[in-house]
Protein backbone atom coordinates (compact mmCIF):
# COMPACT_ATOMS: atom_id res chain seq x y z
CA MET A 1 21.45 11.12 -8.90
CA THR A 2 19.32 12.03 -11.88
CA SER A 3 19.86 15.62 -12.95
CA PRO A 4 18.28 16.95 -16.15
CA ASN A 5 21.29 18.34 -18.04
CA GLN A 6 24.40 17.50 -16.09
CA GLN A 7 26.02 15.05 -13.71
CA THR A 8 27.01 17.74 -11.21
CA PRO A 9 24.26 19.11 -8.96
CA ARG A 10 23.87 22.88 -9.17
CA ARG A 11 23.06 25.42 -6.47
CA GLY A 12 19.29 25.87 -6.20
CA GLU A 13 18.39 22.41 -7.50
CA LEU A 14 16.07 20.19 -5.47
CA TYR A 15 16.61 16.45 -5.03
CA TRP A 16 15.09 13.72 -2.96
CA VAL A 17 17.65 12.88 -0.26
CA ASP A 18 17.64 10.09 2.32
CA PHE A 19 18.86 11.77 5.52
CA GLY A 20 18.60 8.55 7.54
CA THR A 21 17.57 8.38 11.18
CA PRO A 22 17.28 11.78 12.86
CA ARG A 23 18.49 12.63 16.35
CA GLY A 24 16.72 15.21 18.46
CA SER A 25 15.17 17.89 16.25
CA GLU A 26 17.12 17.01 13.09
CA GLN A 27 15.22 16.43 9.87
CA GLY A 28 15.45 12.81 8.84
CA GLY A 29 14.15 10.23 6.43
CA ARG A 30 13.66 10.64 2.71
CA ARG A 31 12.68 14.19 1.84
CA PRO A 32 13.39 16.92 -0.69
CA ALA A 33 16.42 19.13 -0.15
CA VAL A 34 17.87 22.16 -1.93
CA VAL A 35 21.54 22.26 -2.91
CA VAL A 36 22.97 25.41 -1.30
CA SER A 37 26.71 24.89 -1.80
CA GLY A 38 28.35 26.85 -4.62
CA ASN A 39 28.77 25.40 -8.08
CA ILE A 40 32.58 25.49 -7.97
CA ALA A 41 32.54 23.37 -4.80
CA ASN A 42 29.82 21.15 -6.25
CA ARG A 43 32.05 20.32 -9.23
CA ALA A 44 35.20 19.74 -7.16
CA SER A 45 33.87 17.90 -4.12
CA PRO A 46 32.21 14.51 -3.58
CA VAL A 47 29.82 16.19 -1.10
CA VAL A 48 27.27 19.01 -1.30
CA LEU A 49 25.65 21.24 1.31
CA VAL A 50 21.85 20.99 1.30
CA ALA A 51 18.93 22.56 3.16
CA ALA A 52 16.15 20.17 4.13
CA VAL A 53 12.56 20.75 3.00
CA THR A 54 9.56 19.93 5.17
CA THR A 55 5.92 19.64 4.11
CA LYS A 56 4.78 20.45 7.63
CA ILE A 57 4.14 24.17 7.30
CA PRO A 58 5.37 25.88 10.49
CA SER A 59 2.72 27.76 12.46
CA ARG A 60 5.13 30.68 12.64
CA GLN A 61 7.25 31.87 9.72
CA TYR A 62 10.88 32.40 10.73
CA PRO A 63 13.32 34.49 8.67
CA TRP A 64 15.45 31.38 8.01
CA ASN A 65 12.52 29.56 6.35
CA VAL A 66 11.52 29.88 2.69
CA PRO A 67 8.01 28.87 1.52
CA LEU A 68 8.05 26.49 -1.44
CA ALA A 69 5.01 25.81 -3.64
CA ALA A 70 4.29 22.32 -4.95
CA THR A 71 5.68 21.72 -8.43
CA GLY A 72 6.59 18.67 -10.50
CA GLU A 73 7.97 15.92 -8.25
CA LEU A 74 7.25 18.10 -5.20
CA ARG A 75 3.55 17.28 -4.81
CA GLU A 76 2.91 19.27 -1.62
CA ASP A 77 3.69 22.81 -0.54
CA GLY A 78 6.72 22.90 1.70
CA THR A 79 9.22 25.03 3.54
CA ILE A 80 12.98 25.18 2.96
CA LEU A 81 14.60 25.00 6.40
CA CYS A 82 17.81 27.02 6.17
CA ASN A 83 18.51 26.21 9.82
CA GLN A 84 18.64 22.50 8.86
CA LEU A 85 21.78 22.43 6.72
CA ARG A 86 23.60 19.17 6.13
CA VAL A 87 26.66 18.07 4.18
CA VAL A 88 25.79 14.91 2.25
CA SER A 89 27.56 12.70 -0.24
CA LYS A 90 26.42 13.20 -3.82
CA GLU A 91 25.52 9.51 -3.63
CA ARG A 92 22.64 10.48 -1.31
CA LEU A 93 21.08 12.66 -4.02
CA GLU A 94 18.28 10.61 -5.52
CA THR A 95 15.64 11.88 -7.94
CA TYR A 96 15.94 15.39 -9.35
CA VAL A 97 12.86 17.43 -8.35
CA GLY A 98 13.43 20.78 -10.04
CA ALA A 99 15.17 24.09 -9.49
CA LEU A 100 14.34 27.30 -7.69
CA ASP A 101 13.49 30.36 -9.78
CA ASP A 102 15.26 33.71 -9.39
CA GLU A 103 12.82 35.05 -6.78
CA GLN A 104 13.06 31.86 -4.71
CA MET A 105 16.87 32.07 -4.93
CA ARG A 106 16.81 35.64 -3.58
CA LYS A 107 14.66 34.47 -0.67
CA LEU A 108 16.94 31.46 -0.11
CA ASN A 109 20.07 33.63 -0.08
CA ARG A 110 18.56 35.97 2.51
CA ALA A 111 17.32 33.10 4.68
CA LEU A 112 20.75 31.43 4.56
CA ALA A 113 22.43 34.70 5.57
CA VAL A 114 20.07 34.96 8.56
CA ALA A 115 20.53 31.29 9.50
CA VAL A 116 24.33 31.52 9.63
CA GLY A 117 24.42 34.94 11.28
CA LEU A 118 25.67 37.05 8.39
CA ILE A 119 22.69 39.38 8.76
CA VAL A 120 20.02 39.92 11.41
CA GLY A 121 16.55 38.74 10.39
């Protein structure tokens, strides 16, 4: 894991993650992912909760998806898939890609709330 200023990943940071071989409709392989677990848990636990990112832009925009523009290590536009959450070891976090800005974080928080049923989309 290569993070810019700290050893502990922070909520909203993007990393390349190797998800391994997918089953069914799971996201798999090496792809960007956003850390969505809270910073207290990220400091205390050897695992983090991440949302997978795809560069295949869905034909329909769902309320649990967040558009993500290309930036830095993320060379293509993508979509954060808040319905594709996965707990991964911190050891699976590879290269640091960047971090979401405040507006992207607001969109992420809403999409996560829809994905886990806290609010209706």
